[in-house]
Amino acid sequence: MPADRPTDASGVFRVCMVCTGNICRSPMAEVVLRRLAFDAGLADRIAVSSAGTGEWHVGEKADPRTVSSLEKSGYDGADHRARQFDPGWFDDLDLVIVLDRSHERVVRAWATTDSDRSKIRLLSSFDPDSGPLIDVPDPYYSTDALFDEVLQIITRACIALFAQLEPALRHTPASFTALYTDTDSKV
């Protein structure tokens, strides 16, 4: 991201997780990243949301299998309501995390500036141990077991993402700008 990108005056770093319908993967990622920030005492420094590329599930709760997987791991996703990503949000976001390359293509097509495009990252790109995994698998048409596996993949990647964000979150808002002096960096 450009070093001269304006930072939210409140010092809050804003992240939006994006998948297809916003009922499986992106709600998981939202809940996990939010919890990591809370557990680190930084919940007031980061705002985590999620959305889908499509409108099919707008207003619906997360898939019951998503909620169940989250609950089994000690998370609460019961209050989630699906929504569709709005390209107008780019100005208010610092980072847009997509869960697979199809989401990346759609969100990049919505991005109208280089600044907007520089905010888009694949979640798996943060996990150095992801190996050849690029796309977080979509569990929607699969079994409960795949939901649990997907949550593990998302958790590992969110931990790696948070490890990159945490030092800046612990400092002044100006430190966010320092994260973006290299447009090829992962964050």
N, C-alpha and C. Protein backbone atom coordinates (compact mmCIF):
# COMPACT_ATOMS: atom_id res chain seq x y z
N MET A 1 0.84 -1.18 0.00
CA MET A 1 0.00 0.00 0.00
C MET A 1 0.88 1.24 0.00
N PRO A 2 0.40 2.30 -0.58
CA PRO A 2 1.19 3.52 -0.62
C PRO A 2 1.47 4.06 0.78
N ALA A 3 2.65 4.60 0.97
CA ALA A 3 3.03 5.15 2.28
C ALA A 3 2.23 6.39 2.62
N ASP A 4 1.68 7.06 1.62
CA ASP A 4 0.95 8.29 1.89
C ASP A 4 -0.55 8.06 2.07
N ARG A 5 -0.96 6.79 2.19
CA ARG A 5 -2.38 6.48 2.37
C ARG A 5 -2.85 7.07 3.70
N PRO A 6 -3.98 7.79 3.69
CA PRO A 6 -4.47 8.34 4.95
C PRO A 6 -4.86 7.22 5.92
N THR A 7 -4.61 7.46 7.18
CA THR A 7 -4.96 6.50 8.21
C THR A 7 -6.21 7.00 8.94
N ASP A 8 -7.06 6.08 9.33
CA ASP A 8 -8.24 6.40 10.10
C ASP A 8 -7.81 7.24 11.31
N ALA A 9 -8.44 8.37 11.51
CA ALA A 9 -8.06 9.28 12.59
C ALA A 9 -8.20 8.63 13.96
N SER A 10 -9.06 7.62 14.08
CA SER A 10 -9.25 6.97 15.37
C SER A 10 -8.12 6.01 15.69
N GLY A 11 -7.27 5.72 14.70
CA GLY A 11 -6.20 4.76 14.92
C GLY A 11 -6.65 3.33 14.78
N VAL A 12 -7.86 3.11 14.33
CA VAL A 12 -8.39 1.76 14.17
C VAL A 12 -8.03 1.24 12.78
N PHE A 13 -7.43 0.06 12.74
CA PHE A 13 -7.07 -0.61 11.49
C PHE A 13 -8.28 -1.44 11.07
N ARG A 14 -8.72 -1.28 9.83
CA ARG A 14 -9.98 -1.90 9.37
C ARG A 14 -9.72 -3.00 8.35
N VAL A 15 -10.22 -4.20 8.67
CA VAL A 15 -10.03 -5.39 7.84
C VAL A 15 -11.40 -5.98 7.49
N CYS A 16 -11.56 -6.37 6.23
CA CYS A 16 -12.78 -7.06 5.82
C CYS A 16 -12.39 -8.39 5.18
N MET A 17 -12.96 -9.47 5.70
CA MET A 17 -12.76 -10.81 5.16
C MET A 17 -13.84 -11.08 4.12
N VAL A 18 -13.46 -11.62 2.96
CA VAL A 18 -14.43 -11.79 1.88
C VAL A 18 -14.40 -13.21 1.33
N CYS A 19 -15.59 -13.83 1.28
CA CYS A 19 -15.75 -15.12 0.59
C CYS A 19 -16.94 -15.00 -0.36
N THR A 20 -17.56 -16.09 -0.69
CA THR A 20 -18.63 -16.08 -1.71
C THR A 20 -19.95 -15.54 -1.16
N GLY A 21 -20.52 -16.22 -0.18
CA GLY A 21 -21.83 -15.84 0.32
C GLY A 21 -21.84 -15.25 1.71
N ASN A 22 -20.66 -15.18 2.35
CA ASN A 22 -20.52 -14.62 3.69
C ASN A 22 -21.30 -15.43 4.73
N ILE A 23 -21.32 -16.76 4.57
CA ILE A 23 -21.97 -17.60 5.57
C ILE A 23 -21.07 -18.74 6.05
N CYS A 24 -19.90 -18.94 5.43
CA CYS A 24 -19.02 -20.04 5.85
C CYS A 24 -17.62 -19.53 6.20
N ARG A 25 -16.80 -19.32 5.18
CA ARG A 25 -15.39 -19.02 5.41
C ARG A 25 -15.12 -17.63 5.97
N SER A 26 -15.69 -16.60 5.37
CA SER A 26 -15.37 -15.24 5.85
C SER A 26 -15.89 -14.97 7.26
N PRO A 27 -17.06 -15.51 7.66
CA PRO A 27 -17.44 -15.32 9.06
C PRO A 27 -16.46 -16.02 10.01
N MET A 28 -15.96 -17.18 9.60
CA MET A 28 -14.97 -17.86 10.44
C MET A 28 -13.74 -16.97 10.61
N ALA A 29 -13.24 -16.44 9.50
CA ALA A 29 -12.04 -15.60 9.54
C ALA A 29 -12.28 -14.34 10.36
N GLU A 30 -13.44 -13.75 10.22
CA GLU A 30 -13.79 -12.56 11.00
C GLU A 30 -13.75 -12.86 12.49
N VAL A 31 -14.40 -13.92 12.90
CA VAL A 31 -14.48 -14.28 14.32
C VAL A 31 -13.10 -14.62 14.87
N VAL A 32 -12.31 -15.37 14.12
CA VAL A 32 -10.97 -15.77 14.59
C VAL A 32 -10.06 -14.56 14.74
N LEU A 33 -9.99 -13.70 13.71
CA LEU A 33 -9.10 -12.54 13.80
C LEU A 33 -9.55 -11.60 14.91
N ARG A 34 -10.84 -11.41 15.05
CA ARG A 34 -11.34 -10.56 16.12
C ARG A 34 -10.93 -11.11 17.50
N ARG A 35 -11.04 -12.42 17.68
CA ARG A 35 -10.67 -13.03 18.95
C ARG A 35 -9.17 -12.89 19.23
N LEU A 36 -8.35 -13.06 18.19
CA LEU A 36 -6.91 -12.88 18.37
C LEU A 36 -6.60 -11.48 18.88
N ALA A 37 -7.26 -10.49 18.31
CA ALA A 37 -7.06 -9.10 18.75
C ALA A 37 -7.55 -8.92 20.18
N PHE A 38 -8.70 -9.48 20.50
CA PHE A 38 -9.24 -9.38 21.85
C PHE A 38 -8.29 -10.02 22.86
N ASP A 39 -7.83 -11.23 22.56
CA ASP A 39 -6.94 -11.94 23.48
C ASP A 39 -5.62 -11.21 23.69
N ALA A 40 -5.20 -10.44 22.69
CA ALA A 40 -3.95 -9.68 22.80
C ALA A 40 -4.18 -8.31 23.43
N GLY A 41 -5.42 -8.00 23.80
CA GLY A 41 -5.73 -6.71 24.39
C GLY A 41 -5.77 -5.58 23.37
N LEU A 42 -5.99 -5.93 22.10
CA LEU A 42 -5.96 -4.93 21.03
C LEU A 42 -7.28 -4.79 20.29
N ALA A 43 -8.36 -5.24 20.90
CA ALA A 43 -9.66 -5.20 20.24
C ALA A 43 -10.08 -3.79 19.86
N ASP A 44 -9.60 -2.80 20.60
CA ASP A 44 -9.97 -1.42 20.29
C ASP A 44 -9.13 -0.81 19.18
N ARG A 45 -8.12 -1.54 18.68
CA ARG A 45 -7.22 -1.04 17.64
C ARG A 45 -7.51 -1.60 16.26
N ILE A 46 -8.43 -2.60 16.18
CA ILE A 46 -8.72 -3.23 14.90
C ILE A 46 -10.22 -3.49 14.79
N ALA A 47 -10.77 -3.21 13.64
CA ALA A 47 -12.17 -3.51 13.35
C ALA A 47 -12.18 -4.57 12.26
N VAL A 48 -12.77 -5.71 12.57
CA VAL A 48 -12.80 -6.83 11.63
C VAL A 48 -14.25 -7.08 11.22
N SER A 49 -14.47 -7.14 9.93
CA SER A 49 -15.80 -7.41 9.40
C SER A 49 -15.67 -8.49 8.33
N SER A 50 -16.80 -8.86 7.74
CA SER A 50 -16.76 -9.81 6.63
C SER A 50 -17.90 -9.53 5.68
N ALA A 51 -17.76 -10.07 4.47
CA ALA A 51 -18.77 -9.87 3.44
C ALA A 51 -18.60 -10.95 2.38
N GLY A 52 -19.57 -11.03 1.49
CA GLY A 52 -19.52 -11.97 0.39
C GLY A 52 -19.44 -11.25 -0.94
N THR A 53 -19.02 -11.97 -1.97
CA THR A 53 -18.99 -11.39 -3.30
C THR A 53 -20.39 -11.41 -3.93
N GLY A 54 -21.25 -12.28 -3.42
CA GLY A 54 -22.60 -12.41 -3.97
C GLY A 54 -23.66 -11.99 -2.96
N GLU A 55 -24.87 -11.83 -3.46
CA GLU A 55 -25.96 -11.35 -2.63
C GLU A 55 -26.90 -12.46 -2.15
N TRP A 56 -26.60 -13.71 -2.48
CA TRP A 56 -27.52 -14.82 -2.24
C TRP A 56 -27.98 -14.97 -0.80
N HIS A 57 -27.12 -14.67 0.16
CA HIS A 57 -27.43 -14.94 1.56
C HIS A 57 -27.55 -13.68 2.41
N VAL A 58 -27.62 -12.51 1.79
CA VAL A 58 -27.66 -11.26 2.54
C VAL A 58 -28.77 -11.32 3.60
N GLY A 59 -28.39 -10.99 4.83
CA GLY A 59 -29.32 -10.97 5.95
C GLY A 59 -29.44 -12.29 6.70
N GLU A 60 -28.92 -13.37 6.10
CA GLU A 60 -29.02 -14.67 6.75
C GLU A 60 -27.93 -14.83 7.81
N LYS A 61 -28.19 -15.76 8.72
CA LYS A 61 -27.18 -16.14 9.71
C LYS A 61 -26.10 -16.96 9.02
N ALA A 62 -24.98 -17.15 9.70
CA ALA A 62 -23.94 -18.04 9.19
C ALA A 62 -24.51 -19.44 9.07
N ASP A 63 -23.96 -20.22 8.15
CA ASP A 63 -24.37 -21.61 7.99
C ASP A 63 -24.29 -22.30 9.35
N PRO A 64 -25.28 -23.11 9.72
CA PRO A 64 -25.26 -23.79 11.02
C PRO A 64 -23.98 -24.61 11.24
N ARG A 65 -23.40 -25.14 10.18
CA ARG A 65 -22.15 -25.90 10.32
C ARG A 65 -20.98 -24.98 10.64
N THR A 66 -21.03 -23.76 10.15
CA THR A 66 -20.02 -22.75 10.50
C THR A 66 -20.11 -22.44 11.98
N VAL A 67 -21.31 -22.17 12.43
CA VAL A 67 -21.54 -21.83 13.85
C VAL A 67 -21.11 -23.00 14.72
N SER A 68 -21.43 -24.22 14.33
CA SER A 68 -21.06 -25.40 15.10
C SER A 68 -19.54 -25.57 15.18
N SER A 69 -18.86 -25.42 14.05
CA SER A 69 -17.39 -25.54 14.05
C SER A 69 -16.77 -24.48 14.94
N LEU A 70 -17.28 -23.26 14.83
CA LEU A 70 -16.76 -22.19 15.67
C LEU A 70 -16.99 -22.50 17.15
N GLU A 71 -18.19 -22.95 17.50
CA GLU A 71 -18.50 -23.26 18.90
C GLU A 71 -17.60 -24.36 19.43
N LYS A 72 -17.35 -25.40 18.63
CA LYS A 72 -16.48 -26.49 19.08
C LYS A 72 -15.08 -26.01 19.39
N SER A 73 -14.68 -24.92 18.78
CA SER A 73 -13.34 -24.36 19.01
C SER A 73 -13.36 -23.18 19.97
N GLY A 74 -14.51 -22.93 20.60
CA GLY A 74 -14.58 -21.88 21.61
C GLY A 74 -14.91 -20.50 21.08
N TYR A 75 -15.39 -20.41 19.85
CA TYR A 75 -15.76 -19.12 19.26
C TYR A 75 -17.28 -18.99 19.20
N ASP A 76 -17.74 -17.74 19.06
CA ASP A 76 -19.17 -17.49 18.95
C ASP A 76 -19.45 -16.77 17.62
N GLY A 77 -20.15 -17.46 16.73
CA GLY A 77 -20.52 -16.86 15.45
C GLY A 77 -22.02 -16.74 15.29
N ALA A 78 -22.75 -16.88 16.39
CA ALA A 78 -24.21 -16.93 16.33
C ALA A 78 -24.86 -15.62 15.88
N ASP A 79 -24.22 -14.49 16.13
CA ASP A 79 -24.84 -13.20 15.80
C ASP A 79 -24.56 -12.74 14.37
N HIS A 80 -23.77 -13.50 13.63
CA HIS A 80 -23.39 -13.08 12.28
C HIS A 80 -24.60 -12.95 11.35
N ARG A 81 -24.57 -11.92 10.51
CA ARG A 81 -25.56 -11.75 9.45
C ARG A 81 -24.79 -11.45 8.16
N ALA A 82 -25.11 -12.19 7.12
CA ALA A 82 -24.39 -12.06 5.85
C ALA A 82 -24.70 -10.73 5.17
N ARG A 83 -23.70 -10.24 4.46
CA ARG A 83 -23.86 -9.03 3.66
C ARG A 83 -22.95 -9.14 2.44
N GLN A 84 -23.21 -8.33 1.46
CA GLN A 84 -22.40 -8.33 0.24
C GLN A 84 -21.39 -7.20 0.31
N PHE A 85 -20.18 -7.48 -0.18
CA PHE A 85 -19.13 -6.46 -0.22
C PHE A 85 -19.58 -5.32 -1.12
N ASP A 86 -19.33 -4.12 -0.67
CA ASP A 86 -19.65 -2.92 -1.44
C ASP A 86 -18.34 -2.25 -1.83
N PRO A 87 -18.07 -2.08 -3.12
CA PRO A 87 -16.83 -1.44 -3.54
C PRO A 87 -16.62 -0.06 -2.93
N GLY A 88 -17.68 0.60 -2.50
CA GLY A 88 -17.55 1.88 -1.84
C GLY A 88 -16.84 1.80 -0.49
N TRP A 89 -16.68 0.59 0.02
CA TRP A 89 -16.01 0.40 1.31
C TRP A 89 -14.49 0.56 1.21
N PHE A 90 -13.93 0.44 0.02
CA PHE A 90 -12.47 0.47 -0.10
C PHE A 90 -11.84 1.66 0.63
N ASP A 91 -12.44 2.84 0.50
CA ASP A 91 -11.87 4.03 1.15
C ASP A 91 -11.77 3.89 2.66
N ASP A 92 -12.67 3.11 3.25
CA ASP A 92 -12.70 2.96 4.70
C ASP A 92 -11.95 1.73 5.21
N LEU A 93 -11.40 0.93 4.30
CA LEU A 93 -10.70 -0.29 4.70
C LEU A 93 -9.21 -0.16 4.51
N ASP A 94 -8.47 -0.83 5.39
CA ASP A 94 -7.02 -0.88 5.27
C ASP A 94 -6.57 -2.16 4.58
N LEU A 95 -7.37 -3.22 4.73
CA LEU A 95 -7.00 -4.52 4.20
C LEU A 95 -8.27 -5.29 3.84
N VAL A 96 -8.29 -5.89 2.66
CA VAL A 96 -9.40 -6.74 2.23
C VAL A 96 -8.82 -8.12 2.01
N ILE A 97 -9.21 -9.06 2.86
CA ILE A 97 -8.67 -10.42 2.81
C ILE A 97 -9.67 -11.31 2.09
N VAL A 98 -9.24 -11.91 0.99
CA VAL A 98 -10.10 -12.81 0.23
C VAL A 98 -9.70 -14.25 0.54
N LEU A 99 -10.68 -15.15 0.47
CA LEU A 99 -10.43 -16.53 0.87
C LEU A 99 -10.01 -17.43 -0.28
N ASP A 100 -10.27 -17.02 -1.51
CA ASP A 100 -9.75 -17.80 -2.64
C ASP A 100 -9.58 -16.89 -3.86
N ARG A 101 -8.98 -17.46 -4.90
CA ARG A 101 -8.66 -16.66 -6.09
C ARG A 101 -9.90 -16.18 -6.83
N SER A 102 -11.02 -16.89 -6.75
CA SER A 102 -12.23 -16.38 -7.41
C SER A 102 -12.70 -15.10 -6.73
N HIS A 103 -12.60 -15.05 -5.42
CA HIS A 103 -12.95 -13.83 -4.69
C HIS A 103 -11.99 -12.71 -5.05
N GLU A 104 -10.72 -13.08 -5.16
CA GLU A 104 -9.71 -12.09 -5.50
C GLU A 104 -10.02 -11.46 -6.87
N ARG A 105 -10.38 -12.29 -7.86
CA ARG A 105 -10.70 -11.76 -9.19
C ARG A 105 -11.90 -10.80 -9.12
N VAL A 106 -12.93 -11.18 -8.40
CA VAL A 106 -14.13 -10.35 -8.30
C VAL A 106 -13.81 -9.03 -7.60
N VAL A 107 -13.15 -9.11 -6.45
CA VAL A 107 -12.87 -7.90 -5.68
C VAL A 107 -11.89 -6.99 -6.43
N ARG A 108 -10.91 -7.58 -7.10
CA ARG A 108 -9.98 -6.76 -7.91
C ARG A 108 -10.73 -6.04 -9.04
N ALA A 109 -11.72 -6.71 -9.62
CA ALA A 109 -12.51 -6.07 -10.69
C ALA A 109 -13.30 -4.89 -10.14
N TRP A 110 -13.68 -4.94 -8.87
CA TRP A 110 -14.40 -3.84 -8.24
C TRP A 110 -13.49 -2.70 -7.83
N ALA A 111 -12.21 -2.99 -7.65
CA ALA A 111 -11.25 -1.97 -7.22
C ALA A 111 -10.97 -1.03 -8.39
N THR A 112 -11.12 0.26 -8.18
CA THR A 112 -10.96 1.22 -9.27
C THR A 112 -9.62 1.95 -9.25
N THR A 113 -8.86 1.80 -8.16
CA THR A 113 -7.58 2.50 -8.06
C THR A 113 -6.48 1.53 -7.65
N ASP A 114 -5.25 1.93 -7.88
CA ASP A 114 -4.12 1.12 -7.42
C ASP A 114 -4.13 0.99 -5.90
N SER A 115 -4.55 2.05 -5.23
CA SER A 115 -4.64 2.01 -3.77
C SER A 115 -5.63 0.93 -3.32
N ASP A 116 -6.79 0.88 -3.97
CA ASP A 116 -7.79 -0.15 -3.64
C ASP A 116 -7.22 -1.54 -3.90
N ARG A 117 -6.61 -1.73 -5.06
CA ARG A 117 -6.06 -3.05 -5.41
C ARG A 117 -4.96 -3.47 -4.46
N SER A 118 -4.20 -2.52 -3.94
CA SER A 118 -3.09 -2.86 -3.03
C SER A 118 -3.58 -3.36 -1.68
N LYS A 119 -4.85 -3.16 -1.37
CA LYS A 119 -5.41 -3.60 -0.10
C LYS A 119 -5.86 -5.06 -0.12
N ILE A 120 -5.92 -5.67 -1.29
CA ILE A 120 -6.48 -7.01 -1.46
C ILE A 120 -5.38 -8.06 -1.31
N ARG A 121 -5.61 -9.04 -0.42
CA ARG A 121 -4.65 -10.11 -0.19
C ARG A 121 -5.39 -11.42 0.02
N LEU A 122 -4.79 -12.51 -0.45
CA LEU A 122 -5.30 -13.85 -0.18
C LEU A 122 -4.95 -14.23 1.25
N LEU A 123 -5.89 -14.78 1.99
CA LEU A 123 -5.62 -15.18 3.37
C LEU A 123 -4.46 -16.16 3.46
N SER A 124 -4.42 -17.12 2.56
CA SER A 124 -3.36 -18.14 2.61
C SER A 124 -1.97 -17.55 2.44
N SER A 125 -1.87 -16.37 1.84
CA SER A 125 -0.55 -15.77 1.62
C SER A 125 0.14 -15.38 2.92
N PHE A 126 -0.59 -15.32 4.00
CA PHE A 126 0.01 -14.96 5.29
C PHE A 126 0.58 -16.16 6.02
N ASP A 127 0.16 -17.37 5.65
CA ASP A 127 0.57 -18.58 6.35
C ASP A 127 1.77 -19.21 5.65
N PRO A 128 2.97 -19.08 6.23
CA PRO A 128 4.15 -19.63 5.57
C PRO A 128 4.13 -21.16 5.50
N ASP A 129 3.28 -21.78 6.28
CA ASP A 129 3.19 -23.24 6.29
C ASP A 129 2.03 -23.77 5.44
N SER A 130 1.42 -22.90 4.62
CA SER A 130 0.27 -23.34 3.83
C SER A 130 0.67 -24.24 2.66
N GLY A 131 1.96 -24.27 2.35
CA GLY A 131 2.42 -25.12 1.25
C GLY A 131 1.77 -24.71 -0.05
N PRO A 132 1.30 -25.70 -0.81
CA PRO A 132 0.69 -25.38 -2.11
C PRO A 132 -0.74 -24.86 -2.00
N LEU A 133 -1.28 -24.83 -0.78
CA LEU A 133 -2.66 -24.36 -0.59
C LEU A 133 -2.73 -22.87 -0.89
N ILE A 134 -3.51 -22.53 -1.89
CA ILE A 134 -3.71 -21.12 -2.24
C ILE A 134 -5.12 -20.70 -1.84
N ASP A 135 -6.07 -21.54 -2.18
CA ASP A 135 -7.47 -21.25 -1.88
C ASP A 135 -7.90 -21.98 -0.63
N VAL A 136 -8.60 -21.28 0.25
CA VAL A 136 -9.22 -21.94 1.39
C VAL A 136 -10.44 -22.67 0.83
N PRO A 137 -10.52 -23.99 1.00
CA PRO A 137 -11.62 -24.75 0.40
C PRO A 137 -12.99 -24.28 0.88
N ASP A 138 -13.95 -24.32 -0.02
CA ASP A 138 -15.33 -23.95 0.32
C ASP A 138 -16.03 -25.19 0.87
N PRO A 139 -16.43 -25.18 2.14
CA PRO A 139 -17.05 -26.37 2.73
C PRO A 139 -18.55 -26.47 2.48
N TYR A 140 -19.15 -25.48 1.82
CA TYR A 140 -20.61 -25.37 1.73
C TYR A 140 -21.29 -26.65 1.25
N TYR A 141 -20.77 -27.28 0.22
CA TYR A 141 -21.40 -28.49 -0.32
C TYR A 141 -20.76 -29.76 0.21
N SER A 142 -20.12 -29.68 1.35
CA SER A 142 -19.39 -30.82 1.89
C SER A 142 -19.91 -31.21 3.27
N THR A 143 -19.06 -31.88 4.01
CA THR A 143 -19.42 -32.45 5.31
C THR A 143 -19.05 -31.52 6.46
N ASP A 144 -19.58 -31.84 7.63
CA ASP A 144 -19.22 -31.11 8.84
C ASP A 144 -17.71 -31.16 9.08
N ALA A 145 -17.11 -32.29 8.76
CA ALA A 145 -15.67 -32.46 8.97
C ALA A 145 -14.87 -31.44 8.17
N LEU A 146 -15.32 -31.12 6.96
CA LEU A 146 -14.59 -30.13 6.16
C LEU A 146 -14.73 -28.75 6.79
N PHE A 147 -15.85 -28.43 7.39
CA PHE A 147 -15.99 -27.16 8.09
C PHE A 147 -14.94 -27.05 9.19
N ASP A 148 -14.74 -28.12 9.94
CA ASP A 148 -13.74 -28.13 11.01
C ASP A 148 -12.33 -27.97 10.44
N GLU A 149 -12.06 -28.64 9.33
CA GLU A 149 -10.75 -28.54 8.69
C GLU A 149 -10.51 -27.12 8.15
N VAL A 150 -11.53 -26.55 7.54
CA VAL A 150 -11.43 -25.19 7.01
C VAL A 150 -11.18 -24.20 8.15
N LEU A 151 -11.84 -24.39 9.28
CA LEU A 151 -11.60 -23.52 10.42
C LEU A 151 -10.15 -23.61 10.87
N GLN A 152 -9.57 -24.79 10.86
CA GLN A 152 -8.15 -24.93 11.23
C GLN A 152 -7.25 -24.19 10.25
N ILE A 153 -7.53 -24.31 8.96
CA ILE A 153 -6.75 -23.60 7.94
C ILE A 153 -6.85 -22.09 8.15
N ILE A 154 -8.06 -21.62 8.36
CA ILE A 154 -8.31 -20.19 8.57
C ILE A 154 -7.62 -19.71 9.85
N THR A 155 -7.69 -20.51 10.90
CA THR A 155 -7.07 -20.12 12.16
C THR A 155 -5.56 -19.96 12.01
N ARG A 156 -4.91 -20.93 11.36
CA ARG A 156 -3.45 -20.82 11.14
C ARG A 156 -3.11 -19.55 10.36
N ALA A 157 -3.86 -19.29 9.30
CA ALA A 157 -3.57 -18.11 8.49
C ALA A 157 -3.85 -16.82 9.26
N CYS A 158 -4.91 -16.80 10.05
CA CYS A 158 -5.23 -15.61 10.84
C CYS A 158 -4.18 -15.36 11.91
N ILE A 159 -3.66 -16.41 12.50
CA ILE A 159 -2.57 -16.25 13.48
C ILE A 159 -1.36 -15.62 12.81
N ALA A 160 -1.03 -16.08 11.60
CA ALA A 160 0.11 -15.51 10.87
C ALA A 160 -0.17 -14.06 10.47
N LEU A 161 -1.39 -13.77 10.02
CA LEU A 161 -1.76 -12.40 9.69
C LEU A 161 -1.66 -11.51 10.92
N PHE A 162 -2.21 -11.97 12.03
CA PHE A 162 -2.18 -11.15 13.24
C PHE A 162 -0.76 -10.91 13.72
N ALA A 163 0.11 -11.89 13.56
CA ALA A 163 1.52 -11.71 13.94
C ALA A 163 2.16 -10.57 13.15
N GLN A 164 1.72 -10.37 11.92
CA GLN A 164 2.25 -9.25 11.13
C GLN A 164 1.62 -7.92 11.53
N LEU A 165 0.36 -7.96 11.90
CA LEU A 165 -0.34 -6.72 12.26
C LEU A 165 -0.05 -6.25 13.69
N GLU A 166 0.15 -7.18 14.59
CA GLU A 166 0.23 -6.85 16.01
C GLU A 166 1.25 -5.76 16.35
N PRO A 167 2.48 -5.80 15.83
CA PRO A 167 3.41 -4.72 16.21
C PRO A 167 2.88 -3.33 15.88
N ALA A 168 2.25 -3.17 14.74
CA ALA A 168 1.71 -1.86 14.38
C ALA A 168 0.49 -1.51 15.23
N LEU A 169 -0.31 -2.52 15.55
CA LEU A 169 -1.49 -2.26 16.38
C LEU A 169 -1.10 -1.77 17.77
N ARG A 170 0.07 -2.17 18.24
CA ARG A 170 0.53 -1.77 19.57
C ARG A 170 1.10 -0.35 19.61
N HIS A 171 1.27 0.26 18.44
CA HIS A 171 1.87 1.60 18.38
C HIS A 171 0.86 2.62 17.87
N THR A 172 1.34 3.80 17.63
CA THR A 172 0.47 4.89 17.19
C THR A 172 -0.08 4.63 15.79
N PRO A 173 -1.14 5.32 15.41
CA PRO A 173 -1.70 5.16 14.07
C PRO A 173 -0.66 5.39 12.97
N ALA A 174 0.32 6.24 13.20
CA ALA A 174 1.33 6.49 12.18
C ALA A 174 2.10 5.23 11.84
N SER A 175 2.18 4.28 12.77
CA SER A 175 2.93 3.06 12.48
C SER A 175 2.24 2.20 11.43
N PHE A 176 0.93 2.41 11.22
CA PHE A 176 0.25 1.67 10.16
C PHE A 176 0.84 2.03 8.81
N THR A 177 1.15 3.30 8.63
CA THR A 177 1.72 3.75 7.37
C THR A 177 3.03 3.04 7.08
N ALA A 178 3.81 2.78 8.12
CA ALA A 178 5.09 2.11 7.93
C ALA A 178 4.93 0.69 7.37
N LEU A 179 3.78 0.08 7.61
CA LEU A 179 3.54 -1.26 7.07
C LEU A 179 3.47 -1.25 5.56
N TYR A 180 3.18 -0.11 4.97
CA TYR A 180 2.87 -0.07 3.55
C TYR A 180 3.91 0.64 2.71
N THR A 181 5.12 0.76 3.19
CA THR A 181 6.14 1.41 2.38
C THR A 181 6.60 0.53 1.24
N ASP A 182 6.37 -0.79 1.34
CA ASP A 182 6.73 -1.72 0.28
C ASP A 182 5.45 -2.33 -0.26
N THR A 183 5.09 -1.99 -1.48
CA THR A 183 3.83 -2.48 -2.05
C THR A 183 3.86 -3.97 -2.32
N ASP A 184 5.02 -4.59 -2.27
CA ASP A 184 5.09 -6.04 -2.46
C ASP A 184 5.00 -6.80 -1.16
N SER A 185 4.92 -6.08 -0.02
CA SER A 185 4.83 -6.79 1.26
C SER A 185 3.50 -7.49 1.37
N LYS A 186 3.43 -8.46 2.26
CA LYS A 186 2.22 -9.27 2.41
C LYS A 186 1.11 -8.50 3.10
N VAL A 187 1.44 -7.51 3.88
CA VAL A 187 0.41 -6.74 4.57
C VAL A 187 0.46 -5.32 4.07
